[in-house]
Amino acid sequence: MSRPRQVLPNSFYLITRRCTQRQFLLRPDEETNNAYLYCLIEAAQRFSIDIVMMCAMSNHHHLVIYDRDGRYPEFLEHFHKMFARSQNALRGRWENFWAAGQTSVVRLEDPEDVLDKVVYVATNPVKDELVERVHHWPGVNGYVALTQERTMAAVRPLHFFRAIGRMPRSVEMKLEIPQELGERSSFLHALKSRVAQLEESCALDRRQTGRTVVGRRGILRQSWRGAPTSFVEHRGLNPRIAARNVWSRLEALVRNRWFGRAYQRARAAWLDGREAVFPPGTYWLRRFADVTIATA
C-alpha cells in the first residue's frame, strides 16, 4: 500500500504525467491540442480548480494548479480519464494511454516555489531543445495566454464525445494568478524576466556546443507511434513537496510525517472496530468510507 497523501484546500501543486512507453501520443496537432484543452478546462471548471500554467509535450504533460477546495484527486481522475479515452478514439488505440506509475503530484509550499515551477513548465520545450522560444511550441502551452491575458477555448471533440451528449459544446477559461501569489503585475514581470533569461541561456549553450533544436516542422512530422531514444532513469526519487526555503521545507516534512503517523493510528483503530478520528487532509476514506475527520 502506498503512503497516504494529505489533501488540503488552498494548495498549489505541480502535476506531471507521462504517456505509456514514452510514446508521442500527445504529439501536437489540431485535434490533440483541442481535445487536451477541452478536457482540461471542463475538468477544472467541474471541480473548481484554478489552472496557473500548463504545457502538453509530445509524451507527457505538466500542470501548475491551485486547489481551493481540496478536490484535485477528483479533477485529475476525471481529466486524465476523459482525455485518454478521447486520444485513444482519435488514434484508433485500445491499450492504456498513460504510464502505469502514479501521477507525480508535488505540493508547492511558497509563492517563490510556484513561480519556479511556472517557469519550469512554460520553458519545458526550450530546455528540451525542441524549439528556440516558448511561443514557438506547436502544442498547448499557457505562457502566451497567461502573460497576455488571453482566453483559452476549445470545442467538443466529436471523434469521441456525442454531438447531442451532456458535455458542453465549447469551453473557455483564463489562466489564473491567485491572490495568494501576490500582485499580478509583479508576478508576471518576474515570470517574463525569468523566461527570457532562460531562453537566452539555452541559446548561448547551443551556440557553444553546436547543437540545434528540432523545430516546429520536425515536431509536427514525428509519428505519434514514435518515442525518444534517450535513456531515462527509473525508480528515482518521487518528491511530494517543493520548497526552496529551508524552514518551509522542514515544516512540510514534519507535517507529512505527523499526518502519516496519525493516519496509520486512526486506520488501525478503524479496522479494529474502535472509534477512529482521522487527521485533516484524509481524502480517500473520507470520500468513499465516510470516516470521521478531525477539525483542521
Protein backbone atom coordinates (compact mmCIF):
# COMPACT_ATOMS: atom_id res chain seq x y z
CA MET A 1 0.00 0.00 0.00
CA SER A 2 1.35 3.45 -0.91
CA ARG A 3 1.83 6.09 1.74
CA PRO A 4 -1.28 8.17 2.45
CA ARG A 5 -1.24 11.66 0.95
CA GLN A 6 -2.68 14.64 2.77
CA VAL A 7 -5.07 16.63 0.57
CA LEU A 8 -5.55 20.14 1.92
CA PRO A 9 -7.55 23.04 0.46
CA ASN A 10 -5.88 26.25 -0.71
CA SER A 11 -2.80 24.45 -2.04
CA PHE A 12 -0.63 24.81 -5.13
CA TYR A 13 0.62 21.73 -6.97
CA LEU A 14 2.91 20.78 -9.85
CA ILE A 15 1.43 17.80 -11.69
CA THR A 16 3.24 15.63 -14.23
CA ARG A 17 2.04 12.53 -16.07
CA ARG A 18 3.72 10.57 -18.85
CA CYS A 19 2.37 8.54 -21.75
CA THR A 20 2.87 4.78 -21.78
CA GLN A 21 6.27 3.62 -23.07
CA ARG A 22 7.20 7.33 -23.55
CA GLN A 23 5.28 7.28 -26.86
CA PHE A 24 4.45 10.55 -28.62
CA LEU A 25 0.73 10.07 -28.00
CA LEU A 26 0.41 13.80 -27.25
CA ARG A 27 2.25 14.82 -30.43
CA PRO A 28 0.80 18.25 -31.31
CA ASP A 29 -1.85 18.53 -33.99
CA GLU A 30 -5.13 20.42 -34.23
CA GLU A 31 -7.32 17.61 -32.85
CA THR A 32 -4.96 16.75 -29.99
CA ASN A 33 -4.48 20.37 -28.91
CA ASN A 34 -8.23 20.98 -28.94
CA ALA A 35 -9.05 17.76 -27.06
CA TYR A 36 -6.41 18.44 -24.39
CA LEU A 37 -7.74 21.94 -23.77
CA TYR A 38 -11.37 20.82 -23.83
CA CYS A 39 -10.88 18.02 -21.29
CA LEU A 40 -8.65 20.18 -19.09
CA ILE A 41 -10.96 23.20 -18.98
CA GLU A 42 -14.09 21.11 -18.46
CA ALA A 43 -12.48 19.20 -15.58
CA ALA A 44 -11.08 22.36 -13.98
CA GLN A 45 -14.47 24.06 -14.05
CA ARG A 46 -16.25 20.96 -12.78
CA PHE A 47 -14.02 20.70 -9.68
CA SER A 48 -13.22 24.41 -9.08
CA ILE A 49 -9.53 24.15 -9.93
CA ASP A 50 -7.53 27.23 -10.96
CA ILE A 51 -5.07 26.49 -13.77
CA VAL A 52 -1.97 28.68 -13.44
CA MET A 53 0.13 27.12 -16.22
CA MET A 54 0.10 24.08 -18.48
CA CYS A 55 2.28 22.54 -21.17
CA ALA A 56 1.42 19.45 -23.20
CA MET A 57 4.63 17.93 -24.54
CA SER A 58 4.63 15.07 -27.05
CA ASN A 59 4.84 12.29 -24.46
CA HIS A 60 3.95 13.94 -21.13
CA HIS A 61 2.23 16.98 -19.72
CA HIS A 62 2.73 19.42 -16.84
CA LEU A 63 0.23 21.49 -14.86
CA VAL A 64 0.55 24.08 -12.12
CA ILE A 65 -2.79 24.35 -10.31
CA TYR A 66 -4.37 26.00 -7.29
CA ASP A 67 -6.81 23.71 -5.46
CA ARG A 68 -9.18 25.83 -3.39
CA ASP A 69 -11.42 23.07 -2.10
CA GLY A 70 -9.10 20.05 -1.77
CA ARG A 71 -10.53 18.25 -4.81
CA TYR A 72 -7.50 17.79 -7.03
CA PRO A 73 -7.69 13.94 -6.95
CA GLU A 74 -11.19 14.08 -8.47
CA PHE A 75 -10.00 16.64 -11.01
CA LEU A 76 -7.05 14.51 -12.10
CA GLU A 77 -9.11 11.33 -12.24
CA HIS A 78 -11.72 12.95 -14.47
CA PHE A 79 -9.31 14.86 -16.72
CA HIS A 80 -6.87 12.00 -17.30
CA LYS A 81 -9.69 9.51 -17.89
CA MET A 82 -11.60 11.64 -20.39
CA PHE A 83 -8.55 12.78 -22.31
CA ALA A 84 -7.07 9.26 -22.51
CA ARG A 85 -10.32 7.90 -23.93
CA SER A 86 -10.56 10.79 -26.37
CA GLN A 87 -6.99 10.31 -27.64
CA ASN A 88 -7.39 6.55 -27.94
CA ALA A 89 -10.51 7.14 -30.04
CA LEU A 90 -8.58 9.63 -32.19
CA ARG A 91 -5.61 7.28 -32.67
CA GLY A 92 -7.62 4.06 -33.00
CA ARG A 93 -5.97 2.61 -29.88
CA TRP A 94 -7.36 0.35 -27.15
CA GLU A 95 -4.50 -0.08 -24.69
CA ASN A 96 -3.60 2.09 -21.71
CA PHE A 97 -2.72 5.66 -22.65
CA TRP A 98 -0.85 6.79 -19.54
CA ALA A 99 2.21 5.16 -17.98
CA ALA A 100 1.39 2.74 -15.18
CA GLY A 101 3.19 4.68 -12.45
CA GLN A 102 1.45 7.15 -10.16
CA THR A 103 0.88 10.69 -11.36
CA SER A 104 3.55 12.97 -9.91
CA VAL A 105 1.89 15.50 -7.58
CA VAL A 106 4.25 17.93 -5.84
CA ARG A 107 2.88 20.42 -3.31
CA LEU A 108 4.41 23.89 -3.73
CA GLU A 109 4.91 25.49 -0.34
CA ASP A 110 5.66 29.17 -1.07
CA PRO A 111 4.89 31.71 -3.82
CA GLU A 112 8.54 31.57 -4.96
CA ASP A 113 8.20 27.81 -5.42
CA VAL A 114 5.10 28.36 -7.54
CA LEU A 115 6.96 30.87 -9.72
CA ASP A 116 9.85 28.39 -10.13
CA LYS A 117 7.51 25.68 -11.38
CA VAL A 118 5.52 28.01 -13.65
CA VAL A 119 8.82 28.96 -15.33
CA TYR A 120 9.80 25.28 -15.48
CA VAL A 121 6.52 24.26 -17.14
CA ALA A 122 6.44 27.16 -19.60
CA THR A 123 10.04 26.65 -20.77
CA ASN A 124 9.96 22.86 -20.99
CA PRO A 125 10.07 22.80 -24.83
CA VAL A 126 13.05 25.19 -24.83
CA LYS A 127 15.08 23.30 -22.23
CA ASP A 128 14.46 20.03 -24.10
CA GLU A 129 15.92 21.65 -27.28
CA LEU A 130 12.69 21.29 -29.22
CA VAL A 131 12.14 24.98 -30.05
CA GLU A 132 14.11 28.20 -29.58
CA ARG A 133 11.36 30.22 -27.90
CA VAL A 134 8.43 29.26 -25.70
CA HIS A 135 5.86 30.68 -28.13
CA HIS A 136 7.28 28.53 -30.96
CA TRP A 137 5.94 25.32 -29.38
CA PRO A 138 3.10 23.98 -31.62
CA GLY A 139 1.33 22.19 -28.77
CA VAL A 140 -0.62 23.54 -25.81
CA ASN A 141 1.40 25.96 -23.68
CA GLY A 142 -0.23 28.54 -21.44
CA TYR A 143 2.60 31.10 -21.35
CA VAL A 144 1.24 33.48 -24.00
CA ALA A 145 -2.32 33.17 -22.72
CA LEU A 146 -1.22 33.96 -19.15
CA THR A 147 1.10 36.86 -19.91
CA GLN A 148 -1.23 38.47 -22.46
CA GLU A 149 -4.45 37.67 -20.54
CA ARG A 150 -5.95 35.75 -23.45
CA THR A 151 -8.92 33.43 -23.12
CA MET A 152 -8.21 29.78 -23.95
CA ALA A 153 -11.08 27.99 -25.68
CA ALA A 154 -11.91 24.59 -27.18
CA VAL A 155 -14.88 22.86 -28.77
CA ARG A 156 -16.28 19.41 -28.01
CA PRO A 157 -14.15 16.76 -29.83
CA LEU A 158 -16.64 14.89 -31.98
CA HIS A 159 -14.25 11.99 -32.58
CA PHE A 160 -15.17 10.85 -29.05
CA PHE A 161 -17.97 12.84 -27.42
CA ARG A 162 -21.52 12.55 -28.74
CA ALA A 163 -22.82 15.51 -30.70
CA ILE A 164 -26.01 15.54 -28.61
CA GLY A 165 -24.41 14.49 -25.32
CA ARG A 166 -24.42 16.32 -21.98
CA MET A 167 -20.88 17.62 -22.29
CA PRO A 168 -20.72 21.33 -23.22
CA ARG A 169 -20.43 22.29 -26.87
CA SER A 170 -17.49 24.56 -26.08
CA VAL A 171 -15.48 25.67 -23.07
CA GLU A 172 -13.24 28.61 -22.29
CA MET A 173 -11.18 29.97 -19.42
CA LYS A 174 -8.40 32.36 -18.49
CA LEU A 175 -5.35 31.16 -16.64
CA GLU A 176 -5.34 32.40 -13.06
CA ILE A 177 -2.82 34.08 -10.79
CA PRO A 178 -4.48 33.61 -7.38
CA GLN A 179 -4.12 36.46 -4.91
CA GLU A 180 -2.05 34.13 -2.71
CA LEU A 181 0.82 34.71 -5.18
CA GLY A 182 0.83 38.46 -4.59
CA GLU A 183 0.27 41.29 -7.03
CA ARG A 184 -0.47 40.06 -10.55
CA SER A 185 1.75 42.60 -12.32
CA SER A 186 4.74 41.74 -10.12
CA PHE A 187 4.28 38.00 -10.68
CA LEU A 188 4.01 38.47 -14.47
CA HIS A 189 7.07 40.75 -14.55
CA ALA A 190 9.16 38.16 -12.71
CA LEU A 191 7.81 35.38 -14.95
CA LYS A 192 8.61 37.20 -18.21
CA SER A 193 12.09 38.13 -16.99
CA ARG A 194 13.00 34.60 -15.97
CA VAL A 195 11.60 33.02 -19.14
CA ALA A 196 13.59 35.47 -21.29
CA GLN A 197 16.76 34.74 -19.30
CA LEU A 198 16.33 31.01 -19.70
CA GLU A 199 15.68 31.31 -23.45
CA GLU A 200 18.90 33.32 -23.85
CA SER A 201 20.86 30.91 -21.66
CA CYS A 202 19.72 27.93 -23.73
CA ALA A 203 20.54 29.77 -26.97
CA LEU A 204 24.06 30.56 -25.71
CA ASP A 205 24.59 26.95 -24.69
CA ARG A 206 23.52 25.72 -28.16
CA ARG A 207 25.91 28.16 -29.86
CA GLN A 208 28.80 26.94 -27.71
CA THR A 209 28.07 23.25 -28.25
CA GLY A 210 26.85 23.39 -31.86
CA ARG A 211 23.56 21.68 -31.04
CA THR A 212 20.31 22.69 -32.75
CA VAL A 213 16.61 22.46 -31.90
CA VAL A 214 14.19 20.03 -33.53
CA GLY A 215 11.95 22.88 -34.67
CA ARG A 216 8.21 23.13 -35.24
CA ARG A 217 8.28 21.26 -38.55
CA GLY A 218 10.34 18.42 -37.14
CA ILE A 219 7.98 18.04 -34.20
CA LEU A 220 4.87 18.02 -36.37
CA ARG A 221 6.43 15.41 -38.69
CA GLN A 222 7.04 12.96 -35.85
CA SER A 223 4.86 9.87 -35.73
CA TRP A 224 2.67 9.54 -32.66
CA ARG A 225 3.82 5.90 -32.54
CA GLY A 226 7.41 7.03 -32.01
CA ALA A 227 9.29 7.53 -28.74
CA PRO A 228 12.58 9.14 -27.62
CA THR A 229 15.71 7.02 -27.92
CA SER A 230 17.44 8.73 -24.99
CA PHE A 231 17.93 6.84 -21.73
CA VAL A 232 15.59 7.65 -18.85
CA GLU A 233 16.34 6.73 -15.25
CA HIS A 234 13.69 4.68 -13.44
CA ARG A 235 12.95 4.19 -9.74
CA GLY A 236 14.33 7.59 -8.79
CA LEU A 237 13.07 9.92 -6.10
CA ASN A 238 9.41 10.89 -6.26
CA PRO A 239 9.15 14.10 -4.22
CA ARG A 240 5.87 15.23 -2.69
CA ILE A 241 6.88 18.77 -1.79
CA ALA A 242 8.94 21.58 -3.30
CA ALA A 243 10.29 24.33 -1.06
CA ARG A 244 13.38 26.49 -1.60
CA ASN A 245 13.07 27.98 1.88
CA VAL A 246 14.64 25.61 4.40
CA TRP A 247 12.09 26.40 7.12
CA SER A 248 9.15 25.85 4.76
CA ARG A 249 10.69 22.54 3.70
CA LEU A 250 11.21 21.39 7.28
CA GLU A 251 7.68 22.40 8.22
CA ALA A 252 6.26 20.48 5.27
CA LEU A 253 8.31 17.37 6.10
CA VAL A 254 7.21 17.46 9.73
CA ARG A 255 3.58 17.96 8.65
CA ASN A 256 3.76 14.99 6.28
CA ARG A 257 5.37 12.79 8.95
CA TRP A 258 2.75 13.76 11.53
CA PHE A 259 -0.07 13.11 9.06
CA GLY A 260 1.28 9.67 8.14
CA ARG A 261 1.57 8.56 11.76
CA ALA A 262 -1.84 9.96 12.75
CA TYR A 263 -3.42 8.33 9.71
CA GLN A 264 -1.92 4.91 10.49
CA ARG A 265 -3.09 5.05 14.10
CA ALA A 266 -6.62 6.03 13.07
CA ARG A 267 -6.71 3.38 10.35
CA ALA A 268 -5.61 0.65 12.76
CA ALA A 269 -8.35 1.66 15.21
CA TRP A 270 -10.95 1.82 12.41
CA LEU A 271 -10.05 -1.65 11.11
CA ASP A 272 -10.21 -2.97 14.67
CA GLY A 273 -13.75 -1.66 15.06
CA ARG A 274 -12.78 1.02 17.58
CA GLU A 275 -13.68 4.71 17.40
CA ALA A 276 -11.34 6.43 14.99
CA VAL A 277 -10.83 10.08 14.09
CA PHE A 278 -8.66 10.62 11.02
CA PRO A 279 -6.37 13.66 10.64
CA PRO A 280 -7.33 16.66 8.48
CA GLY A 281 -6.47 16.07 4.84
CA THR A 282 -7.59 12.41 4.80
CA TYR A 283 -9.08 12.07 1.34
CA TRP A 284 -9.88 8.57 0.10
CA LEU A 285 -11.55 7.21 3.25
CA ARG A 286 -13.48 10.45 3.74
CA ARG A 287 -14.81 10.23 0.20
CA PHE A 288 -15.55 6.50 -0.01
CA ALA A 289 -15.93 5.28 3.60
CA ASP A 290 -17.40 8.35 5.31
CA VAL A 291 -14.95 8.21 8.22
CA THR A 292 -14.75 10.92 10.88
CA ILE A 293 -12.22 13.65 10.19
CA ALA A 294 -10.71 15.89 12.87
CA THR A 295 -11.27 19.63 12.61
CA ALA A 296 -8.33 21.34 10.96
